[in-house]
Amino acid sequence: MKLMDDFFEQTHNMPMLPKVVQEVMELLATDDVDIKPLADKINHDQVLTARVLRMANSAYFGFSRKVGTIEEAVSLIGLAKLETLVVASGVTSAFTAVPGLDLKRFWQHSLVTASITRKLAKELGFDQDSAYIAGLMHTIGQLPIHMVFPKAGADIEEVCKGRSVLERHEVERDMLGIDHNVIGEKLAKHWNFPEEISRVIRYYTDPLNKDACDLAPVIYVAAHIAFDLESMQQSTYIAETLSMDVADKLSIEDTDALAERIDSYRVFVAEAKAYL
């Protein structure tokens, strides 16, 4: 199909992650992180510095005094939160203008999904770091659609108002002949993300597919919960409308217990707003 050919001809023009973000992520991956060189790396990037300080001074953390240095911010917010911010900052800064898409709303959903994924991963015994990145990246393929096919992207966005990302890929297939799952997988490989991450992006909307990896159902559940939390739905409703087949795959049997856990995830919406 010509549209598919047009897209894949332009993938070499897709942005790369900033070098400083890759370097900070490498430092955070070490067992014994030294805050001084970590802060030095962050200080070399104005955007990353501003985001770290803004988050540290946000109402979400509620510190009684103003945080003025990166070293102080890292000490106060912790390395786990810092890693979250660095990955989020790197991915979000790669796309600064996307025609026809509300980027703030897009990244808010991505961040909420990522935080829920990390929490679910801990509860279900999956690697939390991989889970977070997969949750953050799960809809990344939507962005190239809007950049390469702005008219089609705007049309899809209009049709998908009020629809979750789990429904959107069907609309993309019908209107464009390709979906954000396939495109996102291509972009993740372009960025040299692990194979598991690219497979999650490809199959999270079809998590019971024989080619899907074990993490795909976790992202499916997290995206379902995130969308309804952002829509201000009741936790009981969110739990009861989850696909039973996917719930069974993850051995999630008690909807009442799930509803209680979903209540505890509501804080992630406010957390995401603090990042942006």
Protein backbone atom coordinates (compact mmCIF):
# COMPACT_ATOMS: atom_id res chain seq x y z
CA MET A 1 0.00 0.00 0.00
CA LYS A 2 1.36 3.43 -0.97
CA LEU A 3 0.69 5.03 2.44
CA MET A 4 2.67 2.29 4.18
CA ASP A 5 5.50 2.67 1.68
CA ASP A 6 5.50 6.46 2.19
CA PHE A 7 5.76 6.05 5.94
CA PHE A 8 8.55 3.52 6.00
CA GLU A 9 10.53 5.57 3.47
CA GLN A 10 10.53 8.40 6.01
CA THR A 11 11.39 6.47 9.17
CA HIS A 12 15.06 7.36 8.79
CA ASN A 13 14.01 10.97 9.45
CA MET A 14 12.45 10.10 12.80
CA PRO A 15 14.19 11.84 15.75
CA MET A 16 16.72 10.17 18.05
CA LEU A 17 16.80 10.43 21.84
CA PRO A 18 19.05 13.27 23.09
CA LYS A 19 22.57 12.07 23.90
CA VAL A 20 22.46 13.48 27.44
CA VAL A 21 19.32 11.48 28.18
CA GLN A 22 21.02 8.27 27.03
CA GLU A 23 24.05 9.07 29.21
CA VAL A 24 21.93 9.82 32.31
CA MET A 25 19.96 6.61 31.78
CA GLU A 26 23.25 4.67 31.65
CA LEU A 27 24.39 6.25 34.93
CA LEU A 28 21.06 5.44 36.59
CA ALA A 29 21.39 1.82 35.48
CA THR A 30 24.56 1.33 37.59
CA ASP A 31 24.31 -0.36 40.98
CA ASP A 32 26.01 2.42 42.95
CA VAL A 33 24.89 5.77 41.55
CA ASP A 34 27.09 8.78 42.38
CA ILE A 35 24.87 11.88 42.55
CA LYS A 36 27.66 14.35 41.63
CA PRO A 37 28.42 13.09 38.07
CA LEU A 38 24.73 12.42 37.62
CA ALA A 39 23.89 16.03 38.48
CA ASP A 40 26.71 17.25 36.21
CA LYS A 41 25.19 15.40 33.25
CA ILE A 42 21.74 16.84 33.94
CA ASN A 43 23.14 20.35 34.33
CA HIS A 44 24.51 20.14 30.78
CA ASP A 45 20.99 20.00 29.36
CA GLN A 46 18.82 23.08 29.95
CA VAL A 47 15.53 21.33 29.19
CA LEU A 48 16.26 18.40 31.49
CA THR A 49 17.52 20.72 34.23
CA ALA A 50 14.37 22.83 34.04
CA ARG A 51 12.11 19.79 34.20
CA VAL A 52 13.88 18.28 37.20
CA LEU A 53 13.74 21.56 39.13
CA ARG A 54 10.12 22.19 38.11
CA MET A 55 9.08 18.76 39.31
CA ALA A 56 10.98 19.12 42.58
CA ASN A 57 9.24 22.45 43.22
CA SER A 58 5.78 21.28 42.14
CA ALA A 59 2.80 21.01 44.46
CA TYR A 60 2.93 17.23 44.01
CA PHE A 61 6.00 17.00 46.26
CA GLY A 62 5.05 19.93 48.47
CA PHE A 63 8.49 20.73 49.87
CA SER A 64 8.47 23.63 52.34
CA ARG A 65 11.39 25.41 50.70
CA LYS A 66 12.40 26.17 47.12
CA VAL A 67 14.72 23.63 45.53
CA GLY A 68 17.46 25.50 43.66
CA THR A 69 20.07 22.93 42.55
CA ILE A 70 20.01 19.62 40.72
CA GLU A 71 21.96 17.89 43.50
CA GLU A 72 19.35 18.96 46.02
CA ALA A 73 16.49 17.98 43.70
CA VAL A 74 17.93 14.50 43.12
CA SER A 75 18.36 13.98 46.87
CA LEU A 76 14.80 15.07 47.56
CA ILE A 77 12.84 13.36 44.79
CA GLY A 78 14.90 10.16 44.77
CA LEU A 79 16.55 8.17 42.00
CA ALA A 80 13.41 6.23 41.05
CA LYS A 81 11.46 9.42 40.37
CA LEU A 82 14.48 10.90 38.60
CA GLU A 83 14.74 7.91 36.27
CA THR A 84 11.05 8.28 35.49
CA LEU A 85 11.55 11.94 34.64
CA VAL A 86 14.68 11.39 32.53
CA VAL A 87 13.06 8.72 30.37
CA ALA A 88 9.90 10.80 30.04
CA SER A 89 11.89 13.93 29.24
CA GLY A 90 13.95 12.16 26.59
CA VAL A 91 10.99 10.69 24.77
CA THR A 92 8.80 13.80 25.04
CA SER A 93 11.56 16.18 23.92
CA ALA A 94 12.11 14.11 20.78
CA PHE A 95 8.75 15.36 19.50
CA THR A 96 8.20 19.08 20.06
CA ALA A 97 5.48 19.75 17.49
CA VAL A 98 3.01 17.20 16.18
CA PRO A 99 0.25 18.46 13.84
CA GLY A 100 -3.31 17.90 15.03
CA LEU A 101 -2.42 16.28 18.35
CA ASP A 102 -2.72 17.59 21.91
CA LEU A 103 0.76 16.61 23.06
CA LYS A 104 0.14 17.46 26.71
CA ARG A 105 -2.86 15.14 26.85
CA PHE A 106 -0.96 12.49 24.89
CA TRP A 107 2.01 12.51 27.27
CA GLN A 108 -0.21 12.66 30.33
CA HIS A 109 -1.87 9.41 29.28
CA SER A 110 1.53 7.87 28.51
CA LEU A 111 2.92 8.83 31.92
CA VAL A 112 -0.15 7.62 33.81
CA THR A 113 -0.04 4.32 31.92
CA ALA A 114 3.69 3.98 32.63
CA SER A 115 3.26 4.54 36.36
CA ILE A 116 0.37 2.08 36.57
CA THR A 117 2.39 -0.44 34.56
CA ARG A 118 5.30 -0.17 36.98
CA LYS A 119 2.95 -0.72 39.93
CA LEU A 120 1.25 -3.70 38.28
CA ALA A 121 4.64 -5.13 37.34
CA LYS A 122 5.73 -5.05 40.97
CA GLU A 123 2.49 -6.73 42.08
CA LEU A 124 2.63 -9.37 39.33
CA GLY A 125 6.37 -10.12 39.43
CA PHE A 126 7.58 -8.44 36.23
CA ASP A 127 10.68 -6.28 35.78
CA GLN A 128 9.58 -2.79 36.83
CA ASP A 129 12.03 -0.76 34.73
CA SER A 130 11.15 -2.52 31.48
CA ALA A 131 7.49 -2.25 32.38
CA TYR A 132 7.72 1.51 32.92
CA ILE A 133 9.44 2.14 29.59
CA ALA A 134 6.96 -0.10 27.77
CA GLY A 135 4.07 1.77 29.37
CA LEU A 136 5.54 5.13 28.42
CA MET A 137 6.16 4.03 24.84
CA HIS A 138 2.98 2.05 24.16
CA THR A 139 1.31 4.68 21.94
CA ILE A 140 4.47 6.29 20.53
CA GLY A 141 3.48 5.22 17.01
CA GLN A 142 0.65 7.76 17.00
CA LEU A 143 3.16 10.60 16.71
CA PRO A 144 4.73 9.60 13.36
CA ILE A 145 1.23 9.08 11.95
CA HIS A 146 0.46 12.74 12.62
CA MET A 147 3.86 13.87 11.33
CA VAL A 148 3.93 11.86 8.10
CA PHE A 149 0.17 11.88 7.36
CA PRO A 150 -1.15 15.07 9.08
CA LYS A 151 -4.52 15.06 7.29
CA ALA A 152 -5.20 11.38 8.02
CA GLY A 153 -3.94 11.87 11.58
CA ALA A 154 -6.36 14.76 12.16
CA ASP A 155 -9.24 12.69 10.76
CA ILE A 156 -8.36 9.75 13.00
CA GLU A 157 -8.09 12.05 16.02
CA GLU A 158 -11.58 13.42 15.33
CA VAL A 159 -13.14 9.97 14.99
CA CYS A 160 -11.36 8.72 18.12
CA LYS A 161 -12.57 11.44 20.50
CA GLY A 162 -13.77 9.69 23.63
CA ARG A 163 -12.31 6.36 22.54
CA SER A 164 -9.50 4.63 24.36
CA VAL A 165 -6.14 3.80 22.78
CA LEU A 166 -7.26 0.17 22.84
CA GLU A 167 -9.97 1.07 20.31
CA ARG A 168 -7.93 3.57 18.30
CA HIS A 169 -5.78 1.04 16.46
CA GLU A 170 -8.89 -0.41 14.78
CA VAL A 171 -9.84 3.05 13.50
CA GLU A 172 -6.29 3.58 12.23
CA ARG A 173 -6.41 0.27 10.37
CA ASP A 174 -9.75 1.14 8.79
CA MET A 175 -8.79 4.70 7.79
CA LEU A 176 -5.07 4.40 7.09
CA GLY A 177 -4.31 0.75 6.47
CA ILE A 178 -1.69 0.68 9.24
CA ASP A 179 -1.85 1.23 13.00
CA HIS A 180 0.27 2.89 15.68
CA ASN A 181 1.33 -0.54 16.98
CA VAL A 182 3.26 -1.42 13.82
CA ILE A 183 4.68 2.09 13.47
CA GLY A 184 5.61 2.26 17.17
CA GLU A 185 7.46 -1.04 16.91
CA LYS A 186 9.47 0.40 14.02
CA LEU A 187 10.30 3.57 15.99
CA ALA A 188 11.34 1.61 19.11
CA LYS A 189 13.78 -0.39 16.99
CA HIS A 190 15.04 2.87 15.45
CA TRP A 191 15.80 4.06 18.99
CA ASN A 192 17.53 0.77 19.86
CA PHE A 193 15.11 -0.11 22.64
CA PRO A 194 15.14 -3.76 23.82
CA GLU A 195 13.25 -6.31 21.72
CA GLU A 196 10.73 -6.86 24.52
CA ILE A 197 9.73 -3.19 24.41
CA SER A 198 9.15 -3.21 20.66
CA ARG A 199 7.09 -6.41 20.93
CA VAL A 200 4.94 -4.91 23.69
CA ILE A 201 4.23 -1.87 21.52
CA ARG A 202 3.31 -4.15 18.62
CA TYR A 203 0.97 -6.42 20.58
CA TYR A 204 -0.37 -4.58 23.64
CA THR A 205 -3.77 -4.11 21.95
CA ASP A 206 -3.78 -7.82 21.09
CA PRO A 207 -2.16 -9.23 24.24
CA LEU A 208 -3.40 -12.80 23.79
CA ASN A 209 -1.77 -13.10 20.36
CA LYS A 210 0.63 -16.07 20.19
CA ASP A 211 3.45 -13.68 19.21
CA ALA A 212 2.85 -11.29 22.14
CA CYS A 213 5.35 -11.23 25.00
CA ASP A 214 4.36 -11.72 28.65
CA LEU A 215 4.40 -7.98 29.36
CA ALA A 216 1.80 -7.13 26.68
CA PRO A 217 -1.25 -8.02 28.86
CA VAL A 218 0.15 -5.84 31.67
CA ILE A 219 0.29 -2.82 29.33
CA TYR A 220 -3.21 -3.62 28.07
CA VAL A 221 -4.56 -3.53 31.64
CA ALA A 222 -2.59 -0.37 32.53
CA ALA A 223 -3.81 1.48 29.41
CA HIS A 224 -7.41 0.46 30.18
CA ILE A 225 -7.14 1.72 33.75
CA ALA A 226 -5.30 4.93 32.79
CA PHE A 227 -7.88 5.96 30.19
CA ASP A 228 -10.79 5.50 32.59
CA LEU A 229 -9.00 7.22 35.48
CA GLU A 230 -8.39 10.24 33.25
CA SER A 231 -12.09 10.09 32.31
CA MET A 232 -12.98 10.18 36.04
CA GLN A 233 -14.67 6.78 36.01
CA GLN A 234 -15.41 4.90 39.23
CA SER A 235 -12.86 2.26 40.21
CA THR A 236 -15.52 -0.45 40.38
CA TYR A 237 -16.58 0.32 36.81
CA ILE A 238 -12.97 0.22 35.60
CA ALA A 239 -12.39 -3.17 37.23
CA GLU A 240 -15.64 -4.66 35.96
CA THR A 241 -15.12 -3.55 32.34
CA LEU A 242 -11.63 -5.05 32.08
CA SER A 243 -11.44 -7.91 29.56
CA MET A 244 -11.94 -11.11 31.53
CA ASP A 245 -9.69 -13.06 29.15
CA VAL A 246 -6.80 -10.68 29.78
CA ALA A 247 -7.53 -10.65 33.53
CA ASP A 248 -7.42 -14.45 33.54
CA LYS A 249 -4.11 -14.36 31.67
CA LEU A 250 -2.63 -12.35 34.55
CA SER A 251 -4.52 -14.32 37.23
CA ILE A 252 -6.50 -11.23 38.25
CA GLU A 253 -9.61 -12.83 39.70
CA ASP A 254 -10.95 -10.54 42.43
CA THR A 255 -12.54 -7.42 40.88
CA ASP A 256 -13.20 -5.89 44.31
CA ALA A 257 -9.52 -6.15 45.20
CA LEU A 258 -8.61 -4.74 41.77
CA ALA A 259 -10.97 -1.79 42.32
CA GLU A 260 -9.19 -0.99 45.60
CA ARG A 261 -5.83 -1.06 43.84
CA ILE A 262 -7.17 1.18 41.09
CA ASP A 263 -8.16 3.72 43.74
CA SER A 264 -4.52 3.87 44.83
CA TYR A 265 -3.46 4.55 41.23
CA ARG A 266 -5.38 7.84 41.03
CA VAL A 267 -2.38 9.69 42.40
CA PHE A 268 -0.56 8.95 39.14
CA VAL A 269 -2.77 11.42 37.28
CA ALA A 270 -1.60 14.26 39.54
CA GLU A 271 1.97 12.97 39.30
CA ALA A 272 1.86 13.04 35.49
CA LYS A 273 0.59 16.62 35.54
CA ALA A 274 3.55 17.55 37.75
CA TYR A 275 5.96 16.16 35.15
CA LEU A 276 4.48 18.16 32.26
